[in-house]
Protein backbone atom coordinates (compact mmCIF):
# COMPACT_ATOMS: atom_id res chain seq x y z
CA MET A 1 87.41 99.21 101.93
CA ARG A 2 89.55 101.97 100.59
CA ALA A 3 93.22 102.75 100.09
CA ALA A 4 94.89 104.02 103.27
CA SER A 5 95.92 107.64 103.79
CA ASN A 6 99.29 107.03 102.10
CA GLY A 7 97.71 105.22 99.13
CA ALA A 8 98.12 101.62 98.04
CA LYS A 9 99.89 99.57 95.39
CA LEU A 10 97.82 97.22 93.25
CA ARG A 11 99.93 94.18 92.29
CA ASN A 12 99.50 91.22 89.97
CA ILE A 13 100.20 88.66 92.71
CA TYR A 14 99.85 88.60 96.50
CA ASP A 15 103.50 89.27 97.23
CA GLU A 16 105.76 92.31 97.63
CA GLN A 17 107.70 90.99 94.62
CA GLY A 18 104.60 91.35 92.46
CA VAL A 19 104.57 93.99 89.74
CA VAL A 20 102.84 97.24 90.73
CA MET A 21 100.11 97.71 88.13
CA SER A 22 98.57 100.83 89.64
CA GLU A 23 99.36 103.31 92.41
CA LEU A 24 96.06 103.99 94.15
CA ALA A 25 95.41 107.39 95.69
CA ALA A 26 94.46 107.71 99.34
CA GLY A 27 90.79 106.94 99.78
CA ALA A 28 90.43 105.05 96.47
CA LEU A 29 87.51 102.64 96.72
CA LEU A 30 88.21 98.91 96.69
CA ALA A 31 85.75 96.07 96.23
CA VAL A 32 87.20 93.17 98.21
CA HIS A 33 86.64 89.69 96.77
CA GLY A 34 88.82 87.70 99.16
CA GLU A 35 91.90 87.56 101.34
CA ARG A 36 95.06 85.51 101.16
CA ALA A 37 98.21 85.63 103.29
CA GLY A 38 97.82 89.29 104.32
CA TRP A 39 96.66 90.46 100.90
CA LEU A 40 93.24 91.50 99.62
CA ASP A 41 91.93 90.41 96.22
CA VAL A 42 90.39 93.67 94.98
CA GLU A 43 88.68 95.37 92.09
CA ILE A 44 88.90 99.12 91.53
CA PRO A 45 86.08 101.08 89.86
CA GLY A 46 87.96 102.29 86.79
CA GLY A 47 90.02 99.24 86.01
CA PHE A 48 93.78 99.55 85.55
CA PRO A 49 96.37 99.23 82.78
CA VAL A 50 97.44 95.75 81.67
CA TRP A 51 99.29 94.35 78.66
CA VAL A 52 97.85 91.97 76.06
CA PHE A 53 99.66 90.52 73.07
CA GLY A 54 98.33 92.13 69.88
CA GLU A 55 97.82 88.81 68.11
CA PHE A 56 94.69 88.43 70.25
CA LEU A 57 93.24 91.90 69.55
CA SER A 58 91.41 93.36 66.56
CA PRO A 59 90.50 96.96 65.72
CA THR A 60 86.86 98.02 66.02
CA SER A 61 84.88 100.84 64.45
CA GLU A 62 85.00 102.65 67.81
CA SER A 63 87.92 105.04 68.16
CA GLY A 64 90.53 103.76 70.62
CA MET A 65 88.74 100.47 71.23
CA LEU A 66 89.97 96.97 70.43
CA GLN A 67 88.13 93.67 70.54
CA VAL A 68 89.54 90.45 71.92
CA SER A 69 89.77 87.94 69.07
CA GLY A 70 90.91 84.89 71.04
CA ASN A 71 89.56 82.83 73.92
CA SER A 72 91.07 82.84 77.41
CA VAL A 73 93.57 85.61 76.60
CA ARG A 74 95.99 86.50 79.38
CA MET A 75 96.43 90.00 80.79
CA ARG A 76 99.91 90.78 82.08
CA PRO A 77 101.45 93.57 84.18
CA LEU A 78 104.42 94.00 81.81
CA PRO A 79 104.82 93.65 78.03
CA SER A 80 106.34 90.20 78.37
CA SER A 81 105.30 86.57 78.72
CA GLY A 82 108.30 85.86 80.95
CA ALA A 83 108.23 84.83 84.60
CA GLU A 84 108.68 88.47 85.66
CA SER A 85 105.24 89.24 84.18
CA MET A 86 102.98 86.64 85.79
CA SER A 87 99.51 86.96 84.29
CA LEU A 88 96.40 87.92 86.21
CA ARG A 89 93.96 85.19 87.17
CA GLN A 90 91.12 86.63 85.11
CA LEU A 91 91.18 85.99 81.37
CA LEU A 92 89.77 87.95 78.45
CA GLU A 93 87.20 86.19 76.29
CA ARG A 94 86.48 86.60 72.58
CA GLY A 95 84.35 89.66 71.86
CA THR A 96 85.35 91.65 74.96
CA LYS A 97 86.08 95.28 74.09
CA VAL A 98 88.98 97.09 75.73
CA ARG A 99 90.31 100.64 75.47
CA MET A 100 93.80 100.84 73.98
CA LEU A 101 96.17 102.95 76.07
CA GLY A 102 99.34 102.45 74.06
CA ARG A 103 101.73 100.08 72.36
CA ASN A 104 105.13 98.74 73.35
CA ASP A 105 106.72 99.10 69.89
CA MET A 106 104.82 101.09 67.27
CA SER A 107 107.27 99.95 64.57
CA LYS A 108 105.77 96.44 64.73
CA PRO A 109 102.42 95.35 63.32
CA LEU A 110 99.67 95.13 65.95
CA ALA A 111 99.71 91.31 65.84
CA GLU A 112 103.42 91.26 66.78
CA ASP A 113 103.36 93.88 69.53
CA TRP A 114 102.30 94.15 73.15
CA VAL A 115 99.33 96.47 73.61
CA ARG A 116 98.52 98.33 76.81
CA VAL A 117 94.78 98.33 77.50
CA ASN A 118 92.52 99.26 80.36
CA ALA A 119 91.43 96.06 82.10
CA PRO A 120 87.68 95.50 81.86
CA THR A 121 85.24 95.59 84.75
CA GLY A 122 85.74 92.69 87.12
CA THR A 123 89.50 92.42 86.66
CA ARG A 124 91.24 92.19 90.02
CA GLY A 125 94.62 92.63 91.60
CA TRP A 126 96.14 92.37 95.08
CA VAL A 127 96.67 95.03 97.75
CA ALA A 128 98.46 94.47 101.07
CA ILE A 129 95.98 94.66 103.95
CA GLY A 130 98.21 97.22 105.67
CA GLN A 131 97.65 99.62 102.76
CA THR A 132 93.88 99.64 103.26
CA GLU A 133 91.36 100.91 105.76
CA ALA A 134 87.67 100.45 106.36
CA LEU A 135 85.23 103.02 105.10
CA PRO A 136 84.07 105.42 107.83
CA ALA A 137 81.14 104.21 109.93
CA GLY A 138 77.82 104.98 108.30
CA THR A 139 79.28 105.13 104.79
CA ASP A 140 77.21 103.36 102.15
CA GLY A 141 79.97 101.58 100.25
CA ALA A 142 77.59 100.18 97.63
CA THR A 143 76.33 103.67 96.75
CA GLN A 144 79.88 105.05 96.58
CA TRP A 145 80.96 102.11 94.39
CA ALA A 146 78.03 102.63 92.01
CA ALA A 147 78.80 106.36 91.76
CA ALA A 148 82.49 105.68 91.07
CA ARG A 149 81.62 103.14 88.37
CA THR A 150 79.17 105.59 86.77
CA ARG A 151 81.77 108.37 86.86
CA TRP A 152 84.38 106.06 85.32
CA GLY A 153 81.93 104.97 82.61
CA ALA A 154 81.35 108.60 81.64
CA GLU A 155 85.12 109.21 81.51
CA LEU A 156 85.59 106.09 79.39
CA ALA A 157 82.93 107.29 76.96
CA ALA A 158 84.72 110.64 76.78
CA GLY A 159 88.01 108.86 76.13
CA VAL A 160 89.83 109.93 79.28
CA ALA A 161 89.64 106.80 81.46
CA GLY A 162 92.49 104.39 81.90
CA ALA A 163 94.94 106.57 83.73
CA MET A 164 93.12 105.98 86.99
């Protein structure tokens, strides 16, 4: 699948009231993992921005990278643990490395601040079925997915991924 010609909105829950975590460009590849009530459970090749509370992150020797220091750490669409920021179903596990994209309040110590990171491979969100379309007939989706993941990996290594 891919985002329709007018793009798609990736949300944290399968509902129009869900928080938009990423605006996907027309034609953006989507790996579909399931369907529920008119929504597709999808992964995108480059991940997407999420928020994690800094108490569960530690600096690494790699520039711009943080390591998860807790188990079953929640990723959220907003820098809040309130009802308006329902967490994603996937959890971060101790040792997972994530690219830091920013902080909510730089005046606070890392452990007391919300940190925006790029969600790791395998993290999923929800897209309304009406905002998607099938790949053209004869398209090798697996090859396109692999190429997109490789391209994203190179961008991540160069420090430019995360804004996808």
